[in-house]
Protein backbone atom coordinates (compact mmCIF):
# COMPACT_ATOMS: atom_id res chain seq x y z
CA MET A 1 132.74 50.69 25.90
CA ARG A 2 132.21 48.65 29.03
CA LYS A 3 133.09 50.38 32.29
CA LYS A 4 135.83 48.96 34.50
CA ILE A 5 135.14 48.81 38.25
CA ASN A 6 138.05 48.58 40.67
CA ILE A 7 137.57 46.36 43.70
CA ALA A 8 139.48 45.94 46.97
CA ILE A 9 139.19 43.18 49.58
CA VAL A 10 140.34 43.73 53.15
CA GLY A 11 140.51 40.49 55.13
CA LEU A 12 141.59 37.19 53.60
CA GLY A 13 140.37 34.64 56.10
CA GLN A 14 138.01 31.83 55.10
CA ILE A 15 135.37 34.18 53.71
CA GLY A 16 137.72 36.77 52.19
CA SER A 17 139.79 34.15 50.38
CA TYR A 18 136.69 32.37 49.07
CA LEU A 19 135.27 35.70 47.87
CA TYR A 20 138.57 36.60 46.15
CA ASN A 21 138.44 33.33 44.22
CA GLU A 22 134.75 33.79 43.33
CA LEU A 23 135.35 37.27 41.96
CA ASN A 24 138.21 36.05 39.77
CA ARG A 25 136.27 33.00 38.64
CA LYS A 26 133.04 34.78 37.77
CA LYS A 27 134.27 37.93 36.03
CA LYS A 28 132.61 37.05 32.72
CA GLU A 29 129.32 36.11 34.39
CA ILE A 30 129.30 39.41 36.31
CA GLU A 31 130.04 41.33 33.10
CA SER A 32 127.22 39.61 31.22
CA LYS A 33 124.73 40.43 34.02
CA THR A 34 125.77 44.01 34.73
CA GLY A 35 127.73 45.28 31.75
CA LYS A 36 130.64 46.08 34.10
CA ILE A 37 134.16 44.63 34.07
CA ILE A 38 135.46 44.07 37.59
CA ASN A 39 139.14 44.35 38.38
CA ILE A 40 140.61 43.44 41.78
CA VAL A 41 143.24 46.12 42.34
CA ALA A 42 144.02 45.72 46.05
CA ILE A 43 143.91 43.12 48.80
CA SER A 44 145.00 43.25 52.41
CA ALA A 45 145.30 40.98 55.43
CA LYS A 46 147.46 40.58 58.53
CA ASN A 47 149.85 38.09 56.94
CA PRO A 48 150.70 38.07 53.22
CA ASN A 49 152.56 34.76 53.57
CA LYS A 50 149.86 32.78 55.33
CA LYS A 51 149.00 29.51 53.60
CA ARG A 52 145.60 29.97 51.98
CA LYS A 53 143.29 27.68 50.06
CA TYR A 54 143.34 30.03 47.07
CA LYS A 55 146.43 31.66 45.62
CA ILE A 56 146.57 35.44 45.96
CA ASN A 57 148.27 38.06 43.81
CA LYS A 58 151.00 39.50 46.08
CA ASN A 59 151.61 42.34 43.62
CA ILE A 60 148.37 43.97 44.78
CA PHE A 61 148.83 43.20 48.49
CA TYR A 62 148.83 46.09 50.97
CA LYS A 63 150.11 45.53 54.49
CA ASN A 64 148.27 48.65 55.69
CA PRO A 65 144.67 48.50 54.45
CA LEU A 66 144.16 52.24 54.94
CA GLU A 67 146.71 52.87 52.17
CA ILE A 68 144.33 51.18 49.74
CA ILE A 69 141.78 53.91 50.34
CA ASN A 70 144.30 56.74 50.12
CA ASN A 71 146.53 55.54 47.27
CA ASN A 72 144.33 53.63 44.90
CA LYS A 73 141.33 54.42 42.76
CA VAL A 74 138.93 51.93 44.34
CA ASP A 75 135.22 51.94 43.48
CA ILE A 76 134.00 49.15 45.77
CA LEU A 77 135.60 47.78 48.93
CA PHE A 78 134.76 44.53 50.73
CA GLU A 79 135.44 44.63 54.49
CA VAL A 80 135.72 41.05 55.73
CA VAL A 81 137.91 41.56 58.80
CA GLY A 82 134.96 41.15 61.14
CA LEU A 83 135.81 43.31 64.16
CA GLU A 84 133.12 45.25 66.04
CA GLY A 85 135.22 48.43 65.88
CA GLY A 86 138.94 49.10 65.51
CA ILE A 87 140.42 48.64 62.06
CA SER A 88 137.10 47.37 60.64
CA LYS A 89 135.34 50.61 61.56
CA ARG A 90 138.22 52.78 60.30
CA ILE A 91 138.30 50.97 56.94
CA VAL A 92 134.54 51.33 56.38
CA GLU A 93 134.43 54.90 57.68
CA ASN A 94 137.34 56.10 55.54
CA SER A 95 136.04 54.31 52.46
CA LEU A 96 132.61 55.92 52.70
CA LYS A 97 134.19 59.36 53.27
CA ASN A 98 136.22 58.79 50.08
CA LYS A 99 133.06 57.96 48.13
CA ILE A 100 133.85 54.23 47.92
CA HIS A 101 130.96 51.77 48.08
CA VAL A 102 131.33 49.29 50.96
CA ILE A 103 130.10 45.70 51.23
CA THR A 104 130.50 43.80 54.50
CA PRO A 105 129.21 40.69 56.29
CA ASN A 106 130.19 42.26 59.63
CA LYS A 107 127.09 42.09 61.86
CA ALA A 108 128.99 43.20 64.98
CA LEU A 109 130.09 46.40 63.24
CA ILE A 110 126.68 47.16 61.71
CA SER A 111 124.73 46.44 64.91
CA LYS A 112 126.98 48.82 66.87
CA HIS A 113 127.92 51.55 64.37
CA GLY A 114 125.34 51.07 61.60
CA ASP A 115 123.49 54.34 62.25
CA TYR A 116 126.66 56.41 62.00
CA LEU A 117 128.00 54.54 58.96
CA SER A 118 124.69 54.68 57.09
CA ASN A 119 124.64 58.46 57.61
CA LEU A 120 128.11 58.65 56.06
CA ALA A 121 127.04 56.55 53.08
CA GLU A 122 124.02 58.77 52.45
CA LYS A 123 126.04 62.00 52.71
CA ASN A 124 128.56 60.70 50.16
CA ASN A 125 125.98 59.13 47.83
CA VAL A 126 127.48 55.64 48.05
CA ASN A 127 126.17 52.29 49.20
CA LEU A 128 126.76 50.51 52.47
CA GLU A 129 125.60 46.93 51.86
CA PHE A 130 125.44 44.22 54.55
CA GLU A 131 123.12 41.47 53.29
CA ALA A 132 125.62 38.82 54.44
CA SER A 133 125.53 40.09 58.04
CA VAL A 134 122.28 38.22 58.79
CA ALA A 135 121.52 34.58 57.96
CA GLY A 136 124.37 34.04 55.49
CA GLY A 137 123.08 33.26 52.03
CA ILE A 138 119.39 33.85 52.88
CA PRO A 139 118.36 37.17 51.26
CA ILE A 140 116.40 38.32 54.30
CA LEU A 141 117.56 41.96 54.37
CA ARG A 142 116.82 42.54 50.69
CA THR A 143 113.46 40.82 51.16
CA ILE A 144 112.55 43.28 53.93
CA LYS A 145 113.97 46.35 52.13
CA GLU A 146 112.53 45.57 48.72
CA GLY A 147 110.22 42.57 48.51
CA LEU A 148 108.19 43.52 51.59
CA ALA A 149 108.83 47.27 51.38
CA THR A 150 105.15 48.32 51.62
CA ASN A 151 104.19 45.82 54.33
CA LYS A 152 103.74 46.68 57.99
CA ILE A 153 105.98 44.15 59.72
CA GLU A 154 104.92 43.15 63.23
CA LYS A 155 107.33 40.39 64.17
CA ILE A 156 110.43 38.56 62.95
CA TYR A 157 111.79 35.44 64.59
CA GLY A 158 113.92 32.49 63.70
CA ILE A 159 117.08 30.46 63.96
CA LEU A 160 119.90 32.93 63.31
CA ASN A 161 122.94 30.99 64.49
CA GLY A 162 123.91 27.77 62.69
CA THR A 163 126.48 26.78 65.33
CA CYS A 164 123.90 26.65 68.12
CA ASN A 165 121.33 24.94 65.92
CA TYR A 166 123.86 22.26 64.95
CA ILE A 167 124.83 21.64 68.59
CA LEU A 168 121.22 21.34 69.78
CA SER A 169 120.32 19.06 66.84
CA GLU A 170 123.33 16.81 67.49
CA MET A 171 122.63 16.63 71.22
CA GLU A 172 119.16 15.32 70.35
CA ASN A 173 120.39 12.89 67.67
CA THR A 174 123.40 11.47 69.53
CA LYS A 175 122.16 11.79 73.16
CA ASP A 176 125.64 13.20 73.87
CA ASP A 177 126.35 16.12 76.22
CA PHE A 178 127.00 19.75 75.30
CA LYS A 179 130.77 19.64 75.82
CA ASN A 180 131.37 16.65 73.50
CA VAL A 181 129.06 17.96 70.77
CA LEU A 182 130.74 21.37 70.90
CA SER A 183 134.15 19.73 70.52
CA ASN A 184 132.94 17.87 67.43
CA ALA A 185 131.41 21.07 66.00
CA GLN A 186 134.81 22.75 66.36
CA LYS A 187 136.54 19.89 64.53
CA LEU A 188 134.01 20.18 61.68
CA GLY A 189 134.48 23.95 61.43
CA TYR A 190 130.93 24.79 62.58
CA ALA A 191 132.21 26.44 65.77
CA GLU A 192 135.26 28.65 66.34
CA PRO A 193 138.21 26.44 67.33
CA GLY A 194 139.52 28.92 69.90
CA ASN A 195 136.71 30.76 71.63
CA PRO A 196 133.16 30.11 70.36
CA LYS A 197 131.62 32.16 73.19
CA LEU A 198 129.99 34.82 70.98
CA ASP A 199 128.02 32.14 69.14
CA LEU A 200 127.07 30.16 72.23
CA ASN A 201 126.05 33.02 74.52
CA GLY A 202 123.61 34.61 72.04
CA PHE A 203 125.70 37.70 71.18
CA ASP A 204 125.99 36.80 67.49
CA ALA A 205 122.25 36.23 67.14
CA LEU A 206 121.37 39.41 69.05
CA ALA A 207 123.52 41.54 66.72
CA LYS A 208 121.47 40.12 63.83
CA VAL A 209 118.20 40.77 65.67
CA LYS A 210 119.12 44.45 66.10
CA ILE A 211 119.79 44.78 62.37
CA LEU A 212 116.49 43.08 61.52
CA SER A 213 114.59 45.36 63.94
CA SER A 214 116.04 48.47 62.37
CA LEU A 215 115.06 47.41 58.87
CA ALA A 216 111.66 45.96 59.74
CA PHE A 217 110.42 48.79 61.94
CA ASN A 218 112.28 51.76 60.35
CA ILE A 219 114.03 52.56 63.62
CA LYS A 220 117.50 53.47 64.83
CA ILE A 221 119.55 50.57 66.15
CA SER A 222 118.63 49.95 69.76
CA LYS A 223 121.36 50.64 72.32
CA GLU A 224 119.33 49.37 75.26
CA LYS A 225 120.18 46.11 76.99
CA SER A 226 118.17 43.17 75.64
CA LEU A 227 117.35 39.73 76.98
CA MET A 228 120.25 37.54 75.83
CA GLU A 229 120.68 33.93 76.88
CA GLY A 230 122.72 31.25 75.15
CA ILE A 231 122.74 27.47 75.11
CA GLU A 232 125.62 26.74 77.52
CA ASN A 233 123.25 25.58 80.28
CA ILE A 234 121.13 23.30 78.09
CA SER A 235 121.75 19.68 79.04
CA SER A 236 120.92 16.41 77.30
CA LYS A 237 118.38 15.86 80.09
CA ASP A 238 116.44 18.99 79.01
CA ILE A 239 116.51 17.84 75.39
CA GLU A 240 115.26 14.37 76.35
CA ILE A 241 112.44 15.74 78.52
CA ALA A 242 111.45 18.24 75.82
CA ASN A 243 111.27 15.35 73.36
CA GLN A 244 108.89 13.46 75.68
CA LEU A 245 106.67 16.55 75.81
CA ASN A 246 106.70 16.79 71.96
CA TYR A 247 109.03 19.78 71.93
CA ARG A 248 112.48 20.62 70.63
CA ILE A 249 114.85 23.22 72.03
CA LYS A 250 115.96 25.92 69.59
CA LEU A 251 117.93 29.12 70.14
CA LEU A 252 115.71 31.81 68.62
CA GLY A 253 116.24 35.46 67.84
CA ILE A 254 113.00 37.42 68.14
CA THR A 255 111.97 41.02 67.55
CA GLU A 256 108.43 42.36 67.65
CA LEU A 257 106.40 45.46 68.37
CA ILE A 258 104.34 45.37 71.57
CA ASN A 259 102.22 48.44 72.36
CA GLY A 260 104.44 50.61 70.15
CA LYS A 261 107.65 49.43 71.82
CA VAL A 262 110.30 47.14 70.34
CA PHE A 263 110.99 43.86 72.13
CA GLU A 264 114.29 42.27 71.07
CA ARG A 265 115.58 39.07 72.58
CA VAL A 266 117.63 35.91 72.06
CA HIS A 267 117.13 32.83 74.19
CA PRO A 268 116.49 29.07 74.00
CA CYS A 269 112.85 28.19 73.31
CA LEU A 270 110.75 25.06 73.49
CA VAL A 271 109.08 24.78 70.08
CA ASN A 272 106.52 22.21 69.00
CA LYS A 273 108.08 19.31 67.10
CA ASN A 274 105.31 19.60 64.49
CA SER A 275 105.99 23.29 63.82
CA TYR A 276 108.01 24.56 60.88
CA ILE A 277 110.77 26.03 63.04
CA GLY A 278 110.92 22.81 65.07
CA ASN A 279 112.09 20.93 61.97
CA VAL A 280 114.93 23.23 60.92
CA ASN A 281 117.97 21.25 62.03
CA GLY A 282 121.74 21.11 61.66
CA VAL A 283 123.55 24.27 60.53
CA MET A 284 120.47 25.63 58.78
CA ASN A 285 118.97 29.05 59.50
CA ALA A 286 115.34 30.03 59.09
CA VAL A 287 113.65 33.42 59.39
CA ILE A 288 109.90 33.96 59.73
CA VAL A 289 108.45 37.40 58.99
CA LYS A 290 104.90 38.33 60.04
CA GLY A 291 103.39 41.38 58.39
CA LYS A 292 100.35 42.95 56.79
CA PRO A 293 99.04 42.38 54.20
CA VAL A 294 101.54 39.65 53.26
CA GLY A 295 100.87 37.39 56.25
CA GLU A 296 103.67 35.02 57.16
CA SER A 297 106.78 34.63 55.00
CA ILE A 298 109.47 32.01 55.63
CA LEU A 299 113.04 31.98 54.34
CA GLN A 300 115.39 29.08 55.03
CA GLY A 301 118.95 28.22 54.02
CA GLU A 302 122.52 27.87 55.14
CA GLY A 303 123.36 30.69 57.49
CA ALA A 304 127.13 30.55 57.69
CA GLY A 305 130.30 29.47 55.93
CA PRO A 306 132.29 30.86 53.00
CA GLY A 307 129.86 29.68 50.29
CA PRO A 308 126.57 31.15 51.62
CA THR A 309 128.29 34.32 52.88
CA SER A 310 130.00 34.91 49.53
CA SER A 311 126.69 34.38 47.78
CA ALA A 312 125.21 37.29 49.74
CA LEU A 313 128.32 39.44 49.20
CA MET A 314 128.11 38.84 45.44
CA SER A 315 124.42 39.75 45.49
CA ASP A 316 125.32 43.10 47.07
CA LEU A 317 128.05 43.61 44.48
CA LEU A 318 125.70 43.06 41.54
CA SER A 319 123.17 45.44 43.06
CA ILE A 320 125.82 48.20 43.16
CA LEU A 321 127.13 47.37 39.67
CA ARG A 322 123.62 47.78 38.30
CA GLY A 323 123.64 51.35 39.58
CA ASN A 324 121.30 50.99 42.54
CA ILE A 325 122.24 53.69 45.05
CA LYS A 326 120.06 52.89 48.06
CA TYR A 327 119.55 53.94 51.65
CA PRO A 328 121.41 51.34 53.75
CA PHE A 329 118.42 50.79 56.04
CA GLY A 330 115.74 51.19 53.39
CA ILE A 331 114.68 54.76 54.21
CA PRO A 332 116.64 58.00 54.86
CA SER A 333 118.43 58.09 58.21
CA SER A 334 116.55 61.28 59.10
CA LYS A 335 113.24 59.40 58.92
CA ARG A 336 114.28 56.47 61.12
CA LYS A 337 112.74 56.76 64.57
CA ASN A 338 113.94 56.02 68.07
CA LEU A 339 111.58 53.59 69.79
CA ASN A 340 111.51 52.72 73.45
CA SER A 341 112.24 49.12 74.36
CA TYR A 342 109.59 46.89 75.82
CA LYS A 343 110.59 45.82 79.33
CA VAL A 344 111.20 42.08 79.55
CA LYS A 345 109.91 42.03 83.14
CA ASN A 346 106.40 42.78 81.80
CA TYR A 347 106.40 39.94 79.29
CA PHE A 348 103.90 37.09 79.73
CA ASN A 349 104.93 33.66 78.49
CA SER A 350 104.64 29.96 79.28
CA LEU A 351 107.78 28.45 80.75
CA TYR A 352 109.62 25.16 81.22
CA LEU A 353 111.19 24.96 84.69
CA ARG A 354 113.42 22.07 85.77
CA PHE A 355 114.31 21.64 89.43
CA GLU A 356 116.94 19.24 90.75
CA VAL A 357 115.85 18.43 94.31
CA LYS A 358 116.29 16.10 97.26
CA ASP A 359 113.81 13.24 96.93
CA LYS A 360 111.80 13.70 100.11
CA PRO A 361 108.19 14.45 101.05
CA GLY A 362 107.00 18.04 100.83
CA VAL A 363 109.56 19.36 98.32
CA LEU A 364 107.11 19.53 95.41
CA SER A 365 104.51 21.33 97.51
CA GLU A 366 107.16 23.86 98.59
CA ILE A 367 107.89 24.62 94.94
CA THR A 368 104.26 24.85 93.79
CA LYS A 369 103.33 26.99 96.81
CA GLN A 370 106.11 29.46 96.01
CA LEU A 371 104.95 29.61 92.39
CA ALA A 372 101.34 30.12 93.46
CA ASN A 373 102.38 33.01 95.69
CA ARG A 374 103.45 34.84 92.52
CA LYS A 375 100.32 33.76 90.60
CA ILE A 376 102.25 31.24 88.48
CA SER A 377 100.02 28.26 87.73
CA VAL A 378 101.10 24.78 86.64
CA ASP A 379 99.97 23.40 83.28
CA ARG A 380 101.98 20.14 83.22
CA LEU A 381 104.21 18.44 85.75
CA ILE A 382 106.70 15.56 85.53
CA GLN A 383 108.67 13.94 88.38
CA ILE A 384 111.71 11.82 87.55
CA PRO A 385 113.17 10.14 90.66
CA ASN A 386 116.79 9.00 90.97
CA HIS A 387 116.55 6.39 93.73
CA TYR A 388 120.30 5.72 93.73
CA ASN A 389 121.19 9.33 94.58
CA LYS A 390 117.97 10.01 96.53
CA THR A 391 117.31 12.99 94.26
CA ALA A 392 114.64 13.85 91.71
CA SER A 393 114.04 16.08 88.71
CA ILE A 394 110.82 18.05 88.80
CA VAL A 395 109.74 19.58 85.50
CA ILE A 396 106.94 22.13 85.40
CA ILE A 397 105.34 23.72 82.35
CA THR A 398 103.55 26.87 83.46
CA HIS A 399 100.57 28.71 82.07
CA LYS A 400 101.42 32.17 80.78
CA SER A 401 103.22 33.97 83.57
CA LYS A 402 104.82 37.37 84.05
CA GLU A 403 108.60 37.30 83.61
CA GLU A 404 109.16 39.51 86.67
CA ASP A 405 107.24 37.07 88.90
CA VAL A 406 109.21 34.11 87.61
CA GLN A 407 112.57 35.79 88.21
CA ILE A 408 111.52 36.72 91.77
CA CYS A 409 110.58 33.08 92.38
CA ILE A 410 113.88 31.77 91.06
CA LYS A 411 115.80 34.11 93.39
CA LYS A 412 113.75 32.90 96.36
CA PHE A 413 114.39 29.25 95.47
CA LYS A 414 118.08 29.91 96.22
CA SER A 415 117.37 29.80 99.95
CA ASN A 416 115.56 26.45 99.71
CA LYS A 417 118.10 23.80 100.79
CA ASN A 418 116.03 21.04 99.19
CA ILE A 419 116.66 22.56 95.74
CA LEU A 420 120.17 21.46 94.76
CA LYS A 421 120.98 24.05 92.08
CA ARG A 422 119.51 27.01 90.22
CA PRO A 423 116.42 25.91 88.26
CA ILE A 424 116.70 25.67 84.48
CA LEU A 425 114.29 28.05 82.72
CA ILE A 426 113.39 27.74 79.03
CA ARG A 427 110.63 29.82 77.44
CA LEU A 428 107.97 28.35 75.16
CA ILE A 429 106.99 29.80 71.82
């Protein structure tokens, strides 16, 4: 006799509703692949009467999601509310304590409370699965946990936010400014219609980087402050100049080990137009893993949206249905280490610096002298005069320079009245 598995879904937004429909639509396929019959016994959301794309069964609707855990025999629960803490944390925490497997795409929750929740899952011999929390439908977490399990991973980097990648790609294609492209992205559903700040400022990508670090390096989730810069200050002028220099601007999430310390960061990068990552455009995500002995592995696909996210959620479901009880982060919590963070001030990297200045003699020499005082040397230099306004743009590509020296320079440029605004800094990769 085939075993019945009871499923609950908490959160019926775009992703939750799509998932609900997929589960109902693919029951026979799931049964044929796992030998288990799934049965959705409970759903919950803020508003039972909200107009949704897919019809829901109101007979199994719970206004209070915590009642699902207490009053119903649920085997697997999907948390798709998406909060960093609050009700999302309580739902996952209570489910694990009640020996219910949990599947979630909630990167904010996992990046903040993942250590605690994984401990709970291990103690209660249930799964906490979060494949969909990083890079949507790309199976990057399972690749690290299983496919590359015996490799020593040294670095992971890539495009982890489809919203930012779409905006930067469109700014290049249309020559339009950030504000207009963002507005269009919101109309198309690629950016949050209300407040897209967490995508644009790098927070979303950094949460994913912290999860990747933990899995790749077998460490606890870092609580230390990381370098996080978004794309709000990138202008069409920077994109045009980068293009002339044979670069594109991409928001990258990067984690690597340097001298036994973990260096996590998210910031815009100038990448070569001929590189692989330089040709990943639109809403696509791409993740590059460097390890030994495998070398370099690349995974690319759609990183957001109901379809790709549900694909990853279903993958986690089938893994549980097949009876795979696994450590959430690949190894027992007791064996995951705490690593110190590498200090960004010590990092050496080449930089793109754009200065908006008064067009008058001596300004360029003032800038280069200040840079030279901090041992920052110039690799390439472009001057773009604006005769009408009697201003100029000065663009400098530096040789590899120490981050601390660059930041000291930028602070000192504030007192230079010939420099009209804070210089734009973009790192090269």
